[in-house]
C-alpha atoms as a PDB file:
ATOM      1  CA  MET A   1     -10.205 -43.337 -17.677  1.00  0.00           C
ATOM      2  CA  VAL A   2     -11.675 -46.391 -19.119  1.00  0.00           C
ATOM      3  CA  GLY A   3     -14.572 -45.968 -21.940  1.00  0.00           C
ATOM      4  CA  LEU A   4     -17.934 -47.342 -21.289  1.00  0.00           C
ATOM      5  CA  ILE A   5     -18.510 -50.780 -22.946  1.00  0.00           C
ATOM      6  CA  SER A   6     -21.350 -51.240 -25.123  1.00  0.00           C
ATOM      7  CA  GLY A   7     -23.890 -52.514 -22.980  1.00  0.00           C
ATOM      8  CA  GLU A   8     -23.291 -49.929 -20.629  1.00  0.00           C
ATOM      9  CA  TRP A   9     -24.398 -47.159 -23.865  1.00  0.00           C
ATOM     10  CA  LEU A  10     -27.148 -49.059 -24.193  1.00  0.00           C
ATOM     11  CA  PHE A  11     -27.763 -48.929 -20.299  1.00  0.00           C
ATOM     12  CA  TRP A  12     -27.187 -45.175 -20.002  1.00  0.00           C
ATOM     13  CA  GLY A  13     -28.719 -44.038 -22.905  1.00  0.00           C
ATOM     14  CA  GLY A  14     -31.820 -45.718 -22.208  1.00  0.00           C
ATOM     15  CA  ILE A  15     -31.941 -44.153 -19.059  1.00  0.00           C
ATOM     16  CA  ALA A  16     -31.589 -41.136 -20.960  1.00  0.00           C
ATOM     17  CA  VAL A  17     -34.279 -41.764 -23.628  1.00  0.00           C
ATOM     18  CA  MET A  18     -36.848 -42.674 -21.072  1.00  0.00           C
ATOM     19  CA  GLY A  19     -35.815 -39.004 -18.719  1.00  0.00           C
ATOM     20  CA  VAL A  20     -36.348 -37.182 -21.625  1.00  0.00           C
ATOM     21  CA  ALA A  21     -39.632 -39.176 -22.335  1.00  0.00           C
ATOM     22  CA  ALA A  22     -40.695 -38.350 -18.797  1.00  0.00           C
ATOM     23  CA  ALA A  23     -40.243 -34.582 -19.270  1.00  0.00           C
ATOM     24  CA  SER A  24     -41.871 -34.478 -22.773  1.00  0.00           C
ATOM     25  CA  GLY A  25     -44.671 -35.899 -21.207  1.00  0.00           C
ATOM     26  CA  ILE A  26     -45.214 -34.017 -18.339  1.00  0.00           C
ATOM     27  CA  LEU A  27     -44.787 -30.676 -20.176  1.00  0.00           C
ATOM     28  CA  CYS A  28     -47.641 -32.226 -23.014  1.00  0.00           C
ATOM     29  CA  LEU A  29     -50.161 -32.521 -20.093  1.00  0.00           C
ATOM     30  CA  ALA A  30     -49.246 -28.951 -18.971  1.00  0.00           C
ATOM     31  CA  VAL A  31     -50.072 -27.694 -22.331  1.00  0.00           C
ATOM     32  CA  PHE A  32     -52.874 -30.631 -22.806  1.00  0.00           C
ATOM     33  CA  ARG A  33     -54.572 -28.988 -19.567  1.00  0.00           C
ATOM     34  CA  PHE A  34     -54.096 -25.434 -20.594  1.00  0.00           C
ATOM     35  CA  THR A  35     -55.674 -25.650 -23.759  1.00  0.00           C
ATOM     36  CA  GLY A  36     -58.701 -27.925 -22.922  1.00  0.00           C
ATOM     37  CA  SER A  37     -59.789 -25.486 -20.409  1.00  0.00           C
ATOM     38  CA  ARG A  38     -59.582 -22.810 -22.893  1.00  0.00           C
ATOM     39  CA  LEU A  39     -61.527 -24.984 -25.341  1.00  0.00           C
ATOM     40  CA  LYS A  40     -64.125 -25.720 -22.878  1.00  0.00           C
ATOM     41  CA  LYS A  41     -65.026 -22.534 -22.015  1.00  0.00           C
ATOM     42  CA  GLN A  42     -65.041 -21.593 -25.716  1.00  0.00           C
ATOM     43  CA  LEU A  43     -67.269 -24.306 -25.809  1.00  0.00           C
ATOM     44  CA  GLU A  44     -69.314 -23.297 -23.243  1.00  0.00           C
ATOM     45  CA  LYS A  45     -69.804 -20.056 -24.658  1.00  0.00           C
ATOM     46  CA  GLU A  46     -70.869 -20.959 -28.050  1.00  0.00           C
ATOM     47  CA  TYR A  47     -73.374 -23.970 -27.239  1.00  0.00           C
ATOM     48  CA  GLY A  48     -74.116 -23.793 -23.206  1.00  0.00           C
ATOM     49  CA  LYS A  49     -73.306 -25.791 -20.880  1.00  0.00           C
ATOM     50  CA  PRO A  50     -73.301 -29.588 -20.916  1.00  0.00           C
ATOM     51  CA  ARG A  51     -76.762 -31.483 -19.591  1.00  0.00           C
ATOM     52  CA  SER A  52     -74.858 -34.182 -17.959  1.00  0.00           C
END
């Protein structure tokens, strides 16, 4: 099997980093959506519903 040249390492490494970044973004979005709804319920409990 022929080894990868430098440019190919950069190409495939970049694709791998983009995949990890996309997966992390999706995970963060899910966590913030869950904690945001919990925070909204707590704030409504303490301060009432927003005026607008």
